[in-house]
PDB file of N, CA and C in Angstrom:
ATOM      1  N   MET A   1     -21.705   0.880  -2.840  1.00  0.00           N
ATOM      2  CA  MET A   1     -20.964  -0.173  -1.992  1.00  0.00           C
ATOM      3  C   MET A   1     -20.361  -0.131  -0.324  1.00  0.00           C
ATOM      4  N   PHE A   2     -20.715   1.048  -0.283  1.00  0.00           N
ATOM      5  CA  PHE A   2     -20.910   1.354   1.517  1.00  0.00           C
ATOM      6  C   PHE A   2     -21.567   2.202   2.035  1.00  0.00           C
ATOM      7  N   GLU A   3     -23.042   1.425   1.581  1.00  0.00           N
ATOM      8  CA  GLU A   3     -24.297   2.291   1.436  1.00  0.00           C
ATOM      9  C   GLU A   3     -24.421   1.657   2.818  1.00  0.00           C
ATOM     10  N   ASP A   4     -24.628   0.015   2.759  1.00  0.00           N
ATOM     11  CA  ASP A   4     -24.391  -0.954   4.594  1.00  0.00           C
ATOM     12  C   ASP A   4     -23.347  -0.658   5.756  1.00  0.00           C
ATOM     13  N   CYS A   5     -23.142   0.155   4.851  1.00  0.00           N
ATOM     14  CA  CYS A   5     -21.852   0.034   6.537  1.00  0.00           C
ATOM     15  C   CYS A   5     -22.616   1.914   7.476  1.00  0.00           C
ATOM     16  N   ILE A   6     -22.256   0.941   8.626  1.00  0.00           N
ATOM     17  CA  ILE A   6     -22.937   1.224   9.968  1.00  0.00           C
ATOM     18  C   ILE A   6     -22.183   1.941  10.636  1.00  0.00           C
ATOM     19  N   LYS A   7     -21.114   1.791  10.068  1.00  0.00           N
ATOM     20  CA  LYS A   7     -19.858   3.352  10.759  1.00  0.00           C
ATOM     21  C   LYS A   7     -19.630   2.494  12.024  1.00  0.00           C
ATOM     22  N   CYS A   8     -19.627   1.289  12.164  1.00  0.00           N
ATOM     23  CA  CYS A   8     -19.079   0.490  13.730  1.00  0.00           C
ATOM     24  C   CYS A   8     -17.757   0.961  14.011  1.00  0.00           C
ATOM     25  N   GLY A   9     -16.329   0.942  12.809  1.00  0.00           N
ATOM     26  CA  GLY A   9     -16.147   0.761  13.210  1.00  0.00           C
ATOM     27  C   GLY A   9     -15.192  -0.051  13.713  1.00  0.00           C
ATOM     28  N   PHE A  10     -15.945  -1.410  13.780  1.00  0.00           N
ATOM     29  CA  PHE A  10     -14.490  -2.900  13.550  1.00  0.00           C
ATOM     30  C   PHE A  10     -13.961  -2.428  12.199  1.00  0.00           C
ATOM     31  N   CYS A  11     -13.891  -1.938  10.631  1.00  0.00           N
ATOM     32  CA  CYS A  11     -12.489  -2.199  10.597  1.00  0.00           C
ATOM     33  C   CYS A  11     -10.752  -1.437  10.684  1.00  0.00           C
ATOM     34  N   GLN A  12     -12.400  -0.054  11.302  1.00  0.00           N
ATOM     35  CA  GLN A  12     -10.405   1.004  12.127  1.00  0.00           C
ATOM     36  C   GLN A  12      -9.658  -0.321  13.451  1.00  0.00           C
ATOM     37  N   GLU A  13     -10.446  -0.533  14.105  1.00  0.00           N
ATOM     38  CA  GLU A  13     -10.480  -1.311  15.061  1.00  0.00           C
ATOM     39  C   GLU A  13      -9.390  -2.542  14.690  1.00  0.00           C
ATOM     40  N   ASN A  14      -9.077  -2.796  13.423  1.00  0.00           N
ATOM     41  CA  ASN A  14      -8.782  -4.415  12.785  1.00  0.00           C
ATOM     42  C   ASN A  14      -8.173  -3.714  12.015  1.00  0.00           C
ATOM     43  N   CYS A  15      -7.382  -3.165  12.128  1.00  0.00           N
ATOM     44  CA  CYS A  15      -6.382  -2.512  11.246  1.00  0.00           C
ATOM     45  C   CYS A  15      -5.098  -2.244  11.837  1.00  0.00           C
ATOM     46  N   PHE A  16      -4.354  -2.767  11.894  1.00  0.00           N
ATOM     47  CA  PHE A  16      -2.567  -2.538  12.157  1.00  0.00           C
ATOM     48  C   PHE A  16      -2.222  -1.622  11.208  1.00  0.00           C
ATOM     49  N   ILE A  17      -2.357  -0.515  10.387  1.00  0.00           N
ATOM     50  CA  ILE A  17      -1.886  -0.198   9.966  1.00  0.00           C
ATOM     51  C   ILE A  17      -2.909   1.541  11.067  1.00  0.00           C
ATOM     52  N   GLU A  18      -3.894   1.477  11.056  1.00  0.00           N
ATOM     53  CA  GLU A  18      -4.629   2.554  11.981  1.00  0.00           C
ATOM     54  C   GLU A  18      -4.021   2.298  13.615  1.00  0.00           C
ATOM     55  N   ASN A  19      -4.020   0.803  14.182  1.00  0.00           N
ATOM     56  CA  ASN A  19      -3.260   0.872  15.141  1.00  0.00           C
ATOM     57  C   ASN A  19      -1.878   1.191  15.469  1.00  0.00           C
ATOM     58  N   ALA A  20      -1.210   1.533  14.779  1.00  0.00           N
ATOM     59  CA  ALA A  20       0.563   1.833  14.404  1.00  0.00           C
ATOM     60  C   ALA A  20       0.236   3.179  14.235  1.00  0.00           C
ATOM     61  N   GLY A  21      -0.984   3.713  14.772  1.00  0.00           N
ATOM     62  CA  GLY A  21      -1.045   5.353  14.710  1.00  0.00           C
ATOM     63  C   GLY A  21      -1.550   6.214  13.485  1.00  0.00           C
ATOM     64  N   PHE A  22      -1.472   5.496  12.249  1.00  0.00           N
ATOM     65  CA  PHE A  22      -1.146   5.950  11.135  1.00  0.00           C
ATOM     66  C   PHE A  22      -2.877   6.402  10.428  1.00  0.00           C
ATOM     67  N   GLU A  23      -3.223   7.044   9.614  1.00  0.00           N
ATOM     68  CA  GLU A  23      -4.707   6.873   8.690  1.00  0.00           C
ATOM     69  C   GLU A  23      -4.698   5.826   8.201  1.00  0.00           C
ATOM     70  N   SER A  24      -5.675   5.377   7.982  1.00  0.00           N
ATOM     71  CA  SER A  24      -5.627   4.213   6.641  1.00  0.00           C
ATOM     72  C   SER A  24      -7.248   4.492   5.988  1.00  0.00           C
ATOM     73  N   LEU A  25      -6.597   3.133   5.104  1.00  0.00           N
ATOM     74  CA  LEU A  25      -8.132   3.153   4.053  1.00  0.00           C
ATOM     75  C   LEU A  25      -9.974   2.900   4.959  1.00  0.00           C
ATOM     76  N   THR A  26      -9.519   2.362   6.264  1.00  0.00           N
ATOM     77  CA  THR A  26     -10.412   2.344   7.168  1.00  0.00           C
ATOM     78  C   THR A  26     -10.861   3.896   7.806  1.00  0.00           C
ATOM     79  N   SER A  27      -9.848   4.394   7.704  1.00  0.00           N
ATOM     80  CA  SER A  27     -10.309   6.000   7.683  1.00  0.00           C
ATOM     81  C   SER A  27     -11.081   6.872   7.000  1.00  0.00           C
ATOM     82  N   PHE A  28     -11.280   6.345   5.684  1.00  0.00           N
ATOM     83  CA  PHE A  28     -11.830   7.413   4.975  1.00  0.00           C
ATOM     84  C   PHE A  28     -13.092   6.375   4.842  1.00  0.00           C
ATOM     85  N   ILE A  29     -13.354   5.852   4.824  1.00  0.00           N
ATOM     86  CA  ILE A  29     -14.617   4.838   4.973  1.00  0.00           C
ATOM     87  C   ILE A  29     -15.405   4.838   6.155  1.00  0.00           C
ATOM     88  N   SER A  30     -15.063   4.577   7.890  1.00  0.00           N
ATOM     89  CA  SER A  30     -15.962   5.330   8.434  1.00  0.00           C
ATOM     90  C   SER A  30     -15.490   6.867   8.283  1.00  0.00           C
ATOM     91  N   GLY A  31     -15.022   8.023   7.802  1.00  0.00           N
ATOM     92  CA  GLY A  31     -15.308   9.218   7.493  1.00  0.00           C
ATOM     93  C   GLY A  31     -14.773  10.224   8.899  1.00  0.00           C
ATOM     94  N   ASP A  32     -13.165   9.182   9.185  1.00  0.00           N
ATOM     95  CA  ASP A  32     -12.414   9.748   9.897  1.00  0.00           C
ATOM     96  C   ASP A  32     -11.621  10.863   9.271  1.00  0.00           C
ATOM     97  N   SER A  33     -11.390  10.127   7.980  1.00  0.00           N
ATOM     98  CA  SER A  33     -10.679  11.517   7.376  1.00  0.00           C
ATOM     99  C   SER A  33     -11.817  11.485   6.104  1.00  0.00           C
ATOM    100  N   LEU A  34     -10.945  12.868   5.365  1.00  0.00           N
ATOM    101  CA  LEU A  34     -11.266  12.934   4.097  1.00  0.00           C
ATOM    102  C   LEU A  34     -10.326  13.286   3.280  1.00  0.00           C
ATOM    103  N   ASN A  35      -9.281  12.555   3.699  1.00  0.00           N
ATOM    104  CA  ASN A  35      -8.415  12.732   2.925  1.00  0.00           C
ATOM    105  C   ASN A  35      -8.140  11.300   1.832  1.00  0.00           C
ATOM    106  N   LYS A  36      -8.428  11.368   0.301  1.00  0.00           N
ATOM    107  CA  LYS A  36      -8.383  10.721  -0.490  1.00  0.00           C
ATOM    108  C   LYS A  36      -7.160   9.300  -0.057  1.00  0.00           C
ATOM    109  N   ASP A  37      -6.054  10.599   0.039  1.00  0.00           N
ATOM    110  CA  ASP A  37      -5.098   9.997  -0.473  1.00  0.00           C
ATOM    111  C   ASP A  37      -5.055   8.304   0.694  1.00  0.00           C
ATOM    112  N   VAL A  38      -5.099   8.586   1.588  1.00  0.00           N
ATOM    113  CA  VAL A  38      -5.346   7.577   2.430  1.00  0.00           C
ATOM    114  C   VAL A  38      -5.968   6.328   1.808  1.00  0.00           C
ATOM    115  N   ILE A  39      -7.073   6.231   1.218  1.00  0.00           N
ATOM    116  CA  ILE A  39      -7.175   5.041  -0.223  1.00  0.00           C
ATOM    117  C   ILE A  39      -6.330   4.058  -0.460  1.00  0.00           C
ATOM    118  N   TRP A  40      -4.982   4.829  -0.245  1.00  0.00           N
ATOM    119  CA  TRP A  40      -3.568   4.014  -1.244  1.00  0.00           C
ATOM    120  C   TRP A  40      -2.561   3.606   0.079  1.00  0.00           C
ATOM    121  N   VAL A  41      -3.343   4.129   1.525  1.00  0.00           N
ATOM    122  CA  VAL A  41      -2.110   3.636   2.616  1.00  0.00           C
ATOM    123  C   VAL A  41      -3.392   1.726   3.164  1.00  0.00           C
ATOM    124  N   CYS A  42      -2.639   0.636   2.850  1.00  0.00           N
ATOM    125  CA  CYS A  42      -3.845  -0.341   2.933  1.00  0.00           C
ATOM    126  C   CYS A  42      -2.476  -2.167   3.173  1.00  0.00           C
ATOM    127  N   ALA A  43      -2.285  -2.336   3.571  1.00  0.00           N
ATOM    128  CA  ALA A  43      -1.508  -3.294   3.715  1.00  0.00           C
ATOM    129  C   ALA A  43      -1.999  -4.945   2.850  1.00  0.00           C
ATOM    130  N   ASN A  44      -3.166  -4.376   2.290  1.00  0.00           N
ATOM    131  CA  ASN A  44      -3.943  -5.551   1.536  1.00  0.00           C
ATOM    132  C   ASN A  44      -4.482  -7.128   2.759  1.00  0.00           C
ATOM    133  N   CYS A  45      -4.549  -6.731   3.804  1.00  0.00           N
ATOM    134  CA  CYS A  45      -4.427  -8.294   4.565  1.00  0.00           C
ATOM    135  C   CYS A  45      -5.966  -8.339   5.168  1.00  0.00           C
ATOM    136  N   TRP A  46      -6.588  -8.137   4.561  1.00  0.00           N
ATOM    137  CA  TRP A  46      -7.991  -7.351   4.420  1.00  0.00           C
ATOM    138  C   TRP A  46      -8.990  -8.526   5.598  1.00  0.00           C
ATOM    139  N   LEU A  47      -7.859  -7.923   7.179  1.00  0.00           N
ATOM    140  CA  LEU A  47      -9.185  -8.091   8.517  1.00  0.00           C
ATOM    141  C   LEU A  47     -10.331  -6.634   7.958  1.00  0.00           C
ATOM    142  N   CYS A  48      -9.964  -5.628   7.641  1.00  0.00           N
ATOM    143  CA  CYS A  48     -10.693  -5.219   7.828  1.00  0.00           C
ATOM    144  C   CYS A  48     -12.826  -5.744   7.308  1.00  0.00           C
ATOM    145  N   GLN A  49     -12.503  -6.287   5.919  1.00  0.00           N
ATOM    146  CA  GLN A  49     -13.342  -7.190   5.673  1.00  0.00           C
ATOM    147  C   GLN A  49     -13.884  -7.786   6.241  1.00  0.00           C
ATOM    148  N   GLU A  50     -12.697  -8.805   6.693  1.00  0.00           N
ATOM    149  CA  GLU A  50     -13.494 -10.301   7.668  1.00  0.00           C
ATOM    150  C   GLU A  50     -14.057  -9.870   8.990  1.00  0.00           C
ATOM    151  N   ASN A  51     -13.816  -9.039   8.999  1.00  0.00           N
ATOM    152  CA  ASN A  51     -14.162  -8.263  10.442  1.00  0.00           C
ATOM    153  C   ASN A  51     -15.563  -7.064  10.149  1.00  0.00           C
ATOM    154  N   CYS A  52     -16.077  -7.310   8.529  1.00  0.00           N
ATOM    155  CA  CYS A  52     -17.112  -6.073   8.664  1.00  0.00           C
ATOM    156  C   CYS A  52     -18.380  -7.486   9.149  1.00  0.00           C
ATOM    157  N   PRO A  53     -19.202  -6.454   9.668  1.00  0.00           N
ATOM    158  CA  PRO A  53     -20.065  -7.243  10.596  1.00  0.00           C
ATOM    159  C   PRO A  53     -21.727  -7.088   9.290  1.00  0.00           C
ATOM    160  N   GLN A  54     -21.257  -6.232   8.440  1.00  0.00           N
ATOM    161  CA  GLN A  54     -22.494  -5.966   7.194  1.00  0.00           C
ATOM    162  C   GLN A  54     -21.905  -6.626   6.008  1.00  0.00           C
ATOM    163  N   GLY A  55     -20.605  -7.492   6.666  1.00  0.00           N
ATOM    164  CA  GLY A  55     -20.237  -8.018   5.090  1.00  0.00           C
ATOM    165  C   GLY A  55     -19.996  -7.113   3.702  1.00  0.00           C
ATOM    166  N   ILE A  56     -19.009  -6.342   3.839  1.00  0.00           N
ATOM    167  CA  ILE A  56     -19.259  -5.525   2.411  1.00  0.00           C
ATOM    168  C   ILE A  56     -17.634  -5.802   2.509  1.00  0.00           C
ATOM    169  N   ASN A  57     -17.879  -5.168   1.048  1.00  0.00           N
ATOM    170  CA  ASN A  57     -16.673  -6.209   0.460  1.00  0.00           C
ATOM    171  C   ASN A  57     -15.450  -5.201   0.216  1.00  0.00           C
ATOM    172  N   ILE A  58     -14.558  -5.117   1.487  1.00  0.00           N
ATOM    173  CA  ILE A  58     -13.825  -3.225   1.109  1.00  0.00           C
ATOM    174  C   ILE A  58     -13.021  -3.550   0.027  1.00  0.00           C
ATOM    175  N   MET A  59     -11.920  -3.939   0.356  1.00  0.00           N
ATOM    176  CA  MET A  59     -11.655  -4.445  -0.520  1.00  0.00           C
ATOM    177  C   MET A  59     -11.594  -4.460  -2.187  1.00  0.00           C
ATOM    178  N   GLU A  60     -12.754  -4.549  -2.243  1.00  0.00           N
ATOM    179  CA  GLU A  60     -13.713  -3.986  -4.332  1.00  0.00           C
ATOM    180  C   GLU A  60     -13.876  -2.985  -3.931  1.00  0.00           C
ATOM    181  N   GLY A  61     -14.151  -2.306  -2.974  1.00  0.00           N
ATOM    182  CA  GLY A  61     -13.949  -0.939  -2.776  1.00  0.00           C
ATOM    183  C   GLY A  61     -13.310  -0.189  -2.278  1.00  0.00           C
ATOM    184  N   LYS A  62     -12.066  -0.599  -2.259  1.00  0.00           N
ATOM    185  CA  LYS A  62     -10.588   0.113  -2.480  1.00  0.00           C
ATOM    186  C   LYS A  62      -9.953  -0.371  -3.868  1.00  0.00           C
ATOM    187  N   TYR A  63     -10.116  -0.957  -4.894  1.00  0.00           N
ATOM    188  CA  TYR A  63      -9.195  -1.593  -5.886  1.00  0.00           C
ATOM    189  C   TYR A  63     -10.418  -0.269  -7.082  1.00  0.00           C
ATOM    190  N   ALA A  64     -12.193  -0.003  -6.317  1.00  0.00           N
ATOM    191  CA  ALA A  64     -12.639   1.035  -7.743  1.00  0.00           C
ATOM    192  C   ALA A  64     -12.147   1.710  -7.131  1.00  0.00           C
ATOM    193  N   TRP A  65     -11.864   2.646  -5.874  1.00  0.00           N
ATOM    194  CA  TRP A  65     -11.057   3.648  -6.172  1.00  0.00           C
ATOM    195  C   TRP A  65     -10.208   4.726  -6.237  1.00  0.00           C
ATOM    196  N   GLN A  66      -9.253   3.412  -6.405  1.00  0.00           N
ATOM    197  CA  GLN A  66      -8.025   3.331  -7.161  1.00  0.00           C
ATOM    198  C   GLN A  66      -7.800   3.455  -8.232  1.00  0.00           C
ATOM    199  N   ARG A  67      -8.837   2.589  -9.151  1.00  0.00           N
ATOM    200  CA  ARG A  67      -8.968   2.840 -10.310  1.00  0.00           C
ATOM    201  C   ARG A  67      -9.449   3.926 -10.913  1.00  0.00           C
ATOM    202  N   GLN A  68     -10.023   4.969 -10.430  1.00  0.00           N
ATOM    203  CA  GLN A  68     -10.708   6.162 -10.504  1.00  0.00           C
ATOM    204  C   GLN A  68      -9.927   7.207 -10.178  1.00  0.00           C
ATOM    205  N   LEU A  69      -8.982   7.010  -9.173  1.00  0.00           N
ATOM    206  CA  LEU A  69      -8.148   8.453  -8.794  1.00  0.00           C
ATOM    207  C   LEU A  69      -7.051   8.631  -9.149  1.00  0.00           C
ATOM    208  N   GLU A  70      -6.247   9.362  -9.004  1.00  0.00           N
ATOM    209  CA  GLU A  70      -5.179   9.508  -9.644  1.00  0.00           C
ATOM    210  C   GLU A  70      -4.466   9.630  -8.501  1.00  0.00           C
ATOM    211  N   PRO A  71      -3.302   8.643  -8.587  1.00  0.00           N
ATOM    212  CA  PRO A  71      -2.548   8.236  -7.199  1.00  0.00           C
ATOM    213  C   PRO A  71      -1.975   9.127  -6.287  1.00  0.00           C
ATOM    214  N   PRO A  72      -1.788   9.347  -5.401  1.00  0.00           N
ATOM    215  CA  PRO A  72      -0.509  10.132  -4.574  1.00  0.00           C
ATOM    216  C   PRO A  72       0.994  10.051  -5.246  1.00  0.00           C
ATOM    217  N   GLU A  73       1.876  11.189  -5.274  1.00  0.00           N
ATOM    218  CA  GLU A  73       2.714  11.545  -5.928  1.00  0.00           C
ATOM    219  C   GLU A  73       3.842  10.673  -5.267  1.00  0.00           C
ATOM    220  N   ALA A  74       3.329   9.977  -3.540  1.00  0.00           N
ATOM    221  CA  ALA A  74       4.338   8.813  -3.505  1.00  0.00           C
ATOM    222  C   ALA A  74       3.843   7.481  -4.173  1.00  0.00           C
ATOM    223  N   ILE A  75       3.242   7.076  -4.297  1.00  0.00           N
ATOM    224  CA  ILE A  75       3.108   5.620  -4.999  1.00  0.00           C
ATOM    225  C   ILE A  75       3.962   5.550  -5.720  1.00  0.00           C
ATOM    226  N   GLU A  76       3.454   6.870  -7.412  1.00  0.00           N
ATOM    227  CA  GLU A  76       4.074   7.297  -8.808  1.00  0.00           C
ATOM    228  C   GLU A  76       6.086   6.698  -8.661  1.00  0.00           C
ATOM    229  N   ILE A  77       6.118   7.278  -7.428  1.00  0.00           N
ATOM    230  CA  ILE A  77       8.012   7.093  -7.434  1.00  0.00           C
ATOM    231  C   ILE A  77       7.885   5.919  -7.284  1.00  0.00           C
ATOM    232  N   GLY A  78       7.411   4.980  -6.167  1.00  0.00           N
ATOM    233  CA  GLY A  78       7.502   3.885  -5.543  1.00  0.00           C
ATOM    234  C   GLY A  78       7.826   3.265  -6.402  1.00  0.00           C
ATOM    235  N   THR A  79       6.247   3.029  -7.983  1.00  0.00           N
ATOM    236  CA  THR A  79       5.996   2.593  -8.779  1.00  0.00           C
ATOM    237  C   THR A  79       7.537   2.772  -9.678  1.00  0.00           C
ATOM    238  N   ALA A  80       8.323   3.897  -9.624  1.00  0.00           N
ATOM    239  CA  ALA A  80       8.989   4.311 -10.985  1.00  0.00           C
ATOM    240  C   ALA A  80      10.538   3.850 -10.243  1.00  0.00           C
ATOM    241  N   ASN A  81      10.792   3.207  -8.950  1.00  0.00           N
ATOM    242  CA  ASN A  81      11.756   3.042  -8.522  1.00  0.00           C
ATOM    243  C   ASN A  81      10.988   1.258  -9.055  1.00  0.00           C
ATOM    244  N   ILE A  82      10.441   0.849  -8.572  1.00  0.00           N
ATOM    245  CA  ILE A  82      10.366  -0.081  -9.304  1.00  0.00           C
ATOM    246  C   ILE A  82      10.641  -0.905 -10.344  1.00  0.00           C
ATOM    247  N   ILE A  83       9.896  -0.257 -11.394  1.00  0.00           N
ATOM    248  CA  ILE A  83      10.506  -0.072 -12.836  1.00  0.00           C
ATOM    249  C   ILE A  83      11.988  -0.033 -12.723  1.00  0.00           C
ATOM    250  N   ASP A  84      12.671   1.285 -12.310  1.00  0.00           N
ATOM    251  CA  ASP A  84      13.887   0.877 -12.672  1.00  0.00           C
ATOM    252  C   ASP A  84      15.376   0.197 -11.386  1.00  0.00           C
ATOM    253  N   CYS A  85      15.001  -0.069 -10.677  1.00  0.00           N
ATOM    254  CA  CYS A  85      15.578  -1.098 -10.301  1.00  0.00           C
ATOM    255  C   CYS A  85      14.957  -2.572  -9.225  1.00  0.00           C
ATOM    256  N   GLY A  86      14.200  -2.349  -9.442  1.00  0.00           N
ATOM    257  CA  GLY A  86      13.655  -3.618  -9.070  1.00  0.00           C
ATOM    258  C   GLY A  86      13.265  -3.500  -6.935  1.00  0.00           C
ATOM    259  N   PHE A  87      13.033  -1.984  -6.565  1.00  0.00           N
ATOM    260  CA  PHE A  87      12.619  -2.043  -4.776  1.00  0.00           C
ATOM    261  C   PHE A  87      11.478  -0.846  -5.137  1.00  0.00           C
ATOM    262  N   CYS A  88      10.734  -1.043  -4.584  1.00  0.00           N
ATOM    263  CA  CYS A  88      10.168   0.679  -3.659  1.00  0.00           C
ATOM    264  C   CYS A  88      10.990   1.541  -3.749  1.00  0.00           C
ATOM    265  N   LEU A  89      11.944   1.435  -2.802  1.00  0.00           N
ATOM    266  CA  LEU A  89      12.921   2.417  -2.413  1.00  0.00           C
ATOM    267  C   LEU A  89      14.186   2.350  -3.064  1.00  0.00           C
ATOM    268  N   PRO A  90      14.753   3.134  -3.968  1.00  0.00           N
ATOM    269  CA  PRO A  90      15.699   3.288  -4.633  1.00  0.00           C
ATOM    270  C   PRO A  90      16.996   2.578  -3.551  1.00  0.00           C
ATOM    271  N   ILE A  91      17.544   1.653  -4.761  1.00  0.00           N
ATOM    272  CA  ILE A  91      17.894   0.648  -4.237  1.00  0.00           C
ATOM    273  C   ILE A  91      19.440   0.810  -5.408  1.00  0.00           C
ATOM    274  N   SER A  92      20.452   1.519  -4.771  1.00  0.00           N
ATOM    275  CA  SER A  92      22.002   2.033  -5.761  1.00  0.00           C
ATOM    276  C   SER A  92      23.061   0.500  -5.068  1.00  0.00           C
ATOM    277  N   LEU A  93      23.821   0.822  -6.180  1.00  0.00           N
ATOM    278  CA  LEU A  93      25.420   0.344  -6.775  1.00  0.00           C
ATOM    279  C   LEU A  93      26.433   1.142  -4.752  1.00  0.00           C
ATOM    280  N   ASP A  94      25.529   2.244  -4.709  1.00  0.00           N
ATOM    281  CA  ASP A  94      26.738   2.527  -3.453  1.00  0.00           C
ATOM    282  C   ASP A  94      25.897   2.611  -2.656  1.00  0.00           C
ATOM    283  N   LEU A  95      24.869   1.936  -2.466  1.00  0.00           N
ATOM    284  CA  LEU A  95      24.407   1.399  -1.193  1.00  0.00           C
ATOM    285  C   LEU A  95      24.499   0.101  -0.757  1.00  0.00           C
ATOM    286  N   ILE A  96      24.317  -0.390  -1.706  1.00  0.00           N
ATOM    287  CA  ILE A  96      24.569  -2.095  -1.591  1.00  0.00           C
ATOM    288  C   ILE A  96      26.351  -1.930  -1.449  1.00  0.00           C
ATOM    289  N   GLU A  97      27.233  -0.640  -1.290  1.00  0.00           N
ATOM    290  CA  GLU A  97      29.216  -1.171  -1.575  1.00  0.00           C
ATOM    291  C   GLU A  97      28.527  -0.710   0.147  1.00  0.00           C
ATOM    292  N   ALA A  98      28.051   0.796   0.921  1.00  0.00           N
ATOM    293  CA  ALA A  98      27.895   0.835   1.691  1.00  0.00           C
ATOM    294  C   ALA A  98      26.935  -0.488   2.509  1.00  0.00           C
ATOM    295  N   ARG A  99      26.865  -1.244   2.156  1.00  0.00           N
ATOM    296  CA  ARG A  99      26.324  -1.943   3.060  1.00  0.00           C
ATOM    297  C   ARG A  99      27.027  -3.347   3.628  1.00  0.00           C
ATOM    298  N   ILE A 100      28.289  -3.448   2.250  1.00  0.00           N
ATOM    299  CA  ILE A 100      28.909  -4.694   2.382  1.00  0.00           C
ATOM    300  C   ILE A 100      29.904  -4.017   3.850  1.00  0.00           C
ATOM    301  N   ASP A 101      30.029  -2.509   3.717  1.00  0.00           N
ATOM    302  CA  ASP A 101      30.858  -2.130   4.098  1.00  0.00           C
ATOM    303  C   ASP A 101      30.462  -1.872   5.733  1.00  0.00           C
ATOM    304  N   GLN A 102      29.649  -2.028   5.696  1.00  0.00           N
ATOM    305  CA  GLN A 102      28.551  -2.708   7.419  1.00  0.00           C
ATOM    306  C   GLN A 102      28.563  -3.743   7.483  1.00  0.00           C
ATOM    307  N   GLY A 103      29.338  -4.895   6.684  1.00  0.00           N
ATOM    308  CA  GLY A 103      29.089  -6.453   7.785  1.00  0.00           C
ATOM    309  C   GLY A 103      28.595  -6.870   6.946  1.00  0.00           C
ATOM    310  N   LEU A 104      26.877  -6.457   6.009  1.00  0.00           N
ATOM    311  CA  LEU A 104      25.542  -6.936   5.603  1.00  0.00           C
ATOM    312  C   LEU A 104      25.792  -7.613   3.967  1.00  0.00           C
ATOM    313  N   ASP A 105      25.122  -8.830   3.774  1.00  0.00           N
ATOM    314  CA  ASP A 105      25.439  -9.541   2.245  1.00  0.00           C
ATOM    315  C   ASP A 105      24.708  -8.759   1.317  1.00  0.00           C
ATOM    316  N   LYS A 106      25.933  -8.733   0.482  1.00  0.00           N
ATOM    317  CA  LYS A 106      25.998  -8.225  -1.340  1.00  0.00           C
ATOM    318  C   LYS A 106      24.297  -9.158  -1.435  1.00  0.00           C
ATOM    319  N   PHE A 107      23.621  -7.626  -2.517  1.00  0.00           N
ATOM    320  CA  PHE A 107      22.810  -8.609  -2.633  1.00  0.00           C
ATOM    321  C   PHE A 107      22.772  -7.841  -4.737  1.00  0.00           C
ATOM    322  N   ASP A 108      21.658  -8.709  -5.604  1.00  0.00           N
ATOM    323  CA  ASP A 108      22.109  -8.587  -6.834  1.00  0.00           C
ATOM    324  C   ASP A 108      20.714  -6.880  -6.766  1.00  0.00           C
ATOM    325  N   LEU A 109      21.008  -6.733  -7.697  1.00  0.00           N
ATOM    326  CA  LEU A 109      19.463  -5.885  -8.268  1.00  0.00           C
ATOM    327  C   LEU A 109      18.566  -6.830  -9.264  1.00  0.00           C
ATOM    328  N   VAL A 110      17.335  -6.439  -9.280  1.00  0.00           N
ATOM    329  CA  VAL A 110      16.470  -7.017 -10.347  1.00  0.00           C
ATOM    330  C   VAL A 110      16.839  -6.558 -11.752  1.00  0.00           C
ATOM    331  N   GLY A 111      17.485  -7.297 -12.861  1.00  0.00           N
ATOM    332  CA  GLY A 111      17.709  -6.912 -13.726  1.00  0.00           C
ATOM    333  C   GLY A 111      16.442  -6.047 -14.747  1.00  0.00           C
ATOM    334  N   GLN A 112      16.757  -5.651 -15.364  1.00  0.00           N
ATOM    335  CA  GLN A 112      15.653  -4.458 -16.472  1.00  0.00           C
ATOM    336  C   GLN A 112      14.447  -5.668 -17.253  1.00  0.00           C
ATOM    337  N   GLU A 113      15.224  -6.775 -17.713  1.00  0.00           N
ATOM    338  CA  GLU A 113      14.826  -7.686 -18.328  1.00  0.00           C
ATOM    339  C   GLU A 113      13.355  -7.882 -17.922  1.00  0.00           C
ATOM    340  N   ILE A 114      14.091  -8.433 -15.977  1.00  0.00           N
ATOM    341  CA  ILE A 114      13.283  -8.993 -15.201  1.00  0.00           C
ATOM    342  C   ILE A 114      12.164  -7.835 -14.759  1.00  0.00           C
ATOM    343  N   ILE A 115      12.379  -6.930 -14.966  1.00  0.00           N
ATOM    344  CA  ILE A 115      11.295  -5.754 -14.308  1.00  0.00           C
ATOM    345  C   ILE A 115      10.084  -6.079 -15.552  1.00  0.00           C
ATOM    346  N   ALA A 116      10.832  -5.870 -16.226  1.00  0.00           N
ATOM    347  CA  ALA A 116       9.948  -5.499 -17.809  1.00  0.00           C
ATOM    348  C   ALA A 116       8.743  -6.767 -18.004  1.00  0.00           C
ATOM    349  N   PHE A 117       9.614  -7.816 -17.453  1.00  0.00           N
ATOM    350  CA  PHE A 117       8.381  -9.183 -17.900  1.00  0.00           C
ATOM    351  C   PHE A 117       7.688  -9.005 -16.790  1.00  0.00           C
ATOM    352  N   LEU A 118       8.053  -8.627 -15.649  1.00  0.00           N
ATOM    353  CA  LEU A 118       6.414  -9.191 -14.677  1.00  0.00           C
ATOM    354  C   LEU A 118       5.555  -8.047 -14.886  1.00  0.00           C
ATOM    355  N   LEU A 119       5.889  -6.770 -15.126  1.00  0.00           N
ATOM    356  CA  LEU A 119       5.124  -5.773 -15.418  1.00  0.00           C
ATOM    357  C   LEU A 119       4.532  -6.057 -16.665  1.00  0.00           C
ATOM    358  N   ASP A 120       5.043  -6.508 -17.470  1.00  0.00           N
ATOM    359  CA  ASP A 120       3.703  -6.399 -18.637  1.00  0.00           C
ATOM    360  C   ASP A 120       2.618  -7.876 -18.902  1.00  0.00           C
TER     361      ASP A 120
END
């Protein structure tokens, strides 16, 4: 898939995650990172692919790698949180009450039946 990559760096230059100072999928593609966990660090904006002068289908490669590799623990925790409360970060009734105490709006947690429906 990435045989045609000429390591020009356009994917990294156009990645806002990289521009924010973090390694991303583009770090792995360019060879700047050997950490396979960065394959999961992608905002899915497609700017890397849109700006690739070689026309490489970077997103297809990313999805293929993600199907082959075990996700890092943080991804598994985020998925478990989504299944549990509907949000990637853990949201509890205590947090909702703390928000209200700070003058923020109350919001309802996503029901388990809705989450199950969406994940099926």
